[in-house]
Amino acid sequence: MKQQVKSAISLKDVQLFLDECQRKRERVWVTALTAKGVIDHYDGWFVQSSHWRRGTHDFFNPVSKQFRKVRDVLIFSINGHPVYI
């Protein structure tokens, strides 16, 4: 069976999508690099807040109650879609 490849989306569209998910309180599945170069998966996390000038979004894990700040340019996958700059 052939696996369907999801189309890539731009970083600007990702930022707008994350802001919409914050307003609607929807969960997101994000893969991003950390400042140390480690790949982190934020599966089923909520978008807590954003800062456009800094280029960051804050994510909240409803299970463990953890918060994480992620730089937008370090996001390379969202809900299965690859991200390009």
C-alpha atoms as a PDB file:
ATOM      1  CA  MET A   1       0.000   0.000   0.000  1.00  0.00           C
ATOM      2  CA  LYS A   2       1.328   3.452  -0.930  1.00  0.00           C
ATOM      3  CA  GLN A   3       1.757   5.971   1.899  1.00  0.00           C
ATOM      4  CA  GLN A   4       0.343   9.415   1.184  1.00  0.00           C
ATOM      5  CA  VAL A   5       2.868  12.235   1.551  1.00  0.00           C
ATOM      6  CA  LYS A   6       1.496  15.435   3.053  1.00  0.00           C
ATOM      7  CA  SER A   7       2.331  18.678   1.286  1.00  0.00           C
ATOM      8  CA  ALA A   8       4.851  21.096   2.775  1.00  0.00           C
ATOM      9  CA  ILE A   9       3.668  24.390   4.264  1.00  0.00           C
ATOM     10  CA  SER A  10       5.486  27.669   4.799  1.00  0.00           C
ATOM     11  CA  LEU A  11       6.692  28.965   8.141  1.00  0.00           C
ATOM     12  CA  LYS A  12       4.325  31.942   7.908  1.00  0.00           C
ATOM     13  CA  ASP A  13       1.361  29.574   7.461  1.00  0.00           C
ATOM     14  CA  VAL A  14       2.585  27.544  10.447  1.00  0.00           C
ATOM     15  CA  GLN A  15       2.635  30.681  12.610  1.00  0.00           C
ATOM     16  CA  LEU A  16      -0.900  31.589  11.547  1.00  0.00           C
ATOM     17  CA  PHE A  17      -2.081  28.000  12.098  1.00  0.00           C
ATOM     18  CA  LEU A  18      -0.571  27.882  15.598  1.00  0.00           C
ATOM     19  CA  ASP A  19      -2.251  31.172  16.495  1.00  0.00           C
ATOM     20  CA  GLU A  20      -5.581  29.783  15.275  1.00  0.00           C
ATOM     21  CA  CYS A  21      -5.076  26.603  17.310  1.00  0.00           C
ATOM     22  CA  GLN A  22      -4.394  28.766  20.357  1.00  0.00           C
ATOM     23  CA  ARG A  23      -7.692  30.609  19.898  1.00  0.00           C
ATOM     24  CA  LYS A  24      -9.655  27.376  19.347  1.00  0.00           C
ATOM     25  CA  ARG A  25      -7.780  25.419  22.068  1.00  0.00           C
ATOM     26  CA  GLU A  26      -6.881  22.631  19.632  1.00  0.00           C
ATOM     27  CA  ARG A  27      -4.038  20.199  20.125  1.00  0.00           C
ATOM     28  CA  VAL A  28      -1.068  20.154  17.747  1.00  0.00           C
ATOM     29  CA  TRP A  29       1.644  17.641  16.858  1.00  0.00           C
ATOM     30  CA  VAL A  30       4.922  19.487  16.372  1.00  0.00           C
ATOM     31  CA  THR A  31       8.469  18.284  15.739  1.00  0.00           C
ATOM     32  CA  ALA A  32      11.205  20.838  16.378  1.00  0.00           C
ATOM     33  CA  LEU A  33      14.868  21.186  17.235  1.00  0.00           C
ATOM     34  CA  THR A  34      15.967  22.454  20.620  1.00  0.00           C
ATOM     35  CA  ALA A  35      18.712  25.032  21.096  1.00  0.00           C
ATOM     36  CA  LYS A  36      21.076  22.095  21.790  1.00  0.00           C
ATOM     37  CA  GLY A  37      20.203  20.399  18.479  1.00  0.00           C
ATOM     38  CA  VAL A  38      18.010  17.644  19.931  1.00  0.00           C
ATOM     39  CA  ILE A  39      14.779  16.722  18.136  1.00  0.00           C
ATOM     40  CA  ASP A  40      11.717  17.127  20.368  1.00  0.00           C
ATOM     41  CA  HIS A  41       8.192  15.888  19.647  1.00  0.00           C
ATOM     42  CA  TYR A  42       5.269  17.824  21.094  1.00  0.00           C
ATOM     43  CA  ASP A  43       2.473  15.339  20.457  1.00  0.00           C
ATOM     44  CA  GLY A  44      -0.980  16.522  21.472  1.00  0.00           C
ATOM     45  CA  TRP A  45       0.215  19.715  23.148  1.00  0.00           C
ATOM     46  CA  PHE A  46      -1.761  22.970  23.328  1.00  0.00           C
ATOM     47  CA  VAL A  47      -0.459  26.303  22.072  1.00  0.00           C
ATOM     48  CA  GLN A  48      -0.349  28.506  25.158  1.00  0.00           C
ATOM     49  CA  SER A  49       0.941  31.805  23.725  1.00  0.00           C
ATOM     50  CA  SER A  50       3.030  33.357  20.971  1.00  0.00           C
ATOM     51  CA  HIS A  51       5.453  36.224  20.530  1.00  0.00           C
ATOM     52  CA  TRP A  52       5.762  37.421  16.925  1.00  0.00           C
ATOM     53  CA  ARG A  53       8.778  39.677  17.458  1.00  0.00           C
ATOM     54  CA  ARG A  54      10.772  36.971  19.182  1.00  0.00           C
ATOM     55  CA  GLY A  55       9.463  34.341  16.762  1.00  0.00           C
ATOM     56  CA  THR A  56       8.424  31.880  19.475  1.00  0.00           C
ATOM     57  CA  HIS A  57       5.398  29.881  20.574  1.00  0.00           C
ATOM     58  CA  ASP A  58       4.782  28.420  24.022  1.00  0.00           C
ATOM     59  CA  PHE A  59       3.359  24.906  24.230  1.00  0.00           C
ATOM     60  CA  PHE A  60       1.565  23.253  27.162  1.00  0.00           C
ATOM     61  CA  ASN A  61       1.360  19.511  27.779  1.00  0.00           C
ATOM     62  CA  PRO A  62      -2.050  18.748  29.357  1.00  0.00           C
ATOM     63  CA  VAL A  63      -0.839  15.430  30.790  1.00  0.00           C
ATOM     64  CA  SER A  64       2.410  16.409  32.507  1.00  0.00           C
ATOM     65  CA  LYS A  65       1.576  20.127  32.890  1.00  0.00           C
ATOM     66  CA  GLN A  66       4.927  21.108  31.312  1.00  0.00           C
ATOM     67  CA  PHE A  67       5.523  24.307  29.341  1.00  0.00           C
ATOM     68  CA  ARG A  68       8.027  24.627  26.500  1.00  0.00           C
ATOM     69  CA  LYS A  69       9.078  27.661  24.448  1.00  0.00           C
ATOM     70  CA  VAL A  70       9.902  26.806  20.816  1.00  0.00           C
ATOM     71  CA  ARG A  71      11.487  29.083  18.233  1.00  0.00           C
ATOM     72  CA  ASP A  72       9.329  29.091  15.110  1.00  0.00           C
ATOM     73  CA  VAL A  73      12.285  28.697  12.716  1.00  0.00           C
ATOM     74  CA  LEU A  74      13.244  25.433  14.463  1.00  0.00           C
ATOM     75  CA  ILE A  75       9.876  23.784  13.702  1.00  0.00           C
ATOM     76  CA  PHE A  76      10.232  21.347  10.815  1.00  0.00           C
ATOM     77  CA  SER A  77       6.986  19.362  11.044  1.00  0.00           C
ATOM     78  CA  ILE A  78       3.466  20.190  12.190  1.00  0.00           C
ATOM     79  CA  ASN A  79       0.555  17.725  12.187  1.00  0.00           C
ATOM     80  CA  GLY A  80       2.537  15.545   9.776  1.00  0.00           C
ATOM     81  CA  HIS A  81       3.261  18.329   7.260  1.00  0.00           C
ATOM     82  CA  PRO A  82       6.893  19.271   6.586  1.00  0.00           C
ATOM     83  CA  VAL A  83       7.661  22.981   7.094  1.00  0.00           C
ATOM     84  CA  TYR A  84       9.813  25.149   4.858  1.00  0.00           C
ATOM     85  CA  ILE A  85      11.175  28.637   5.513  1.00  0.00           C
END
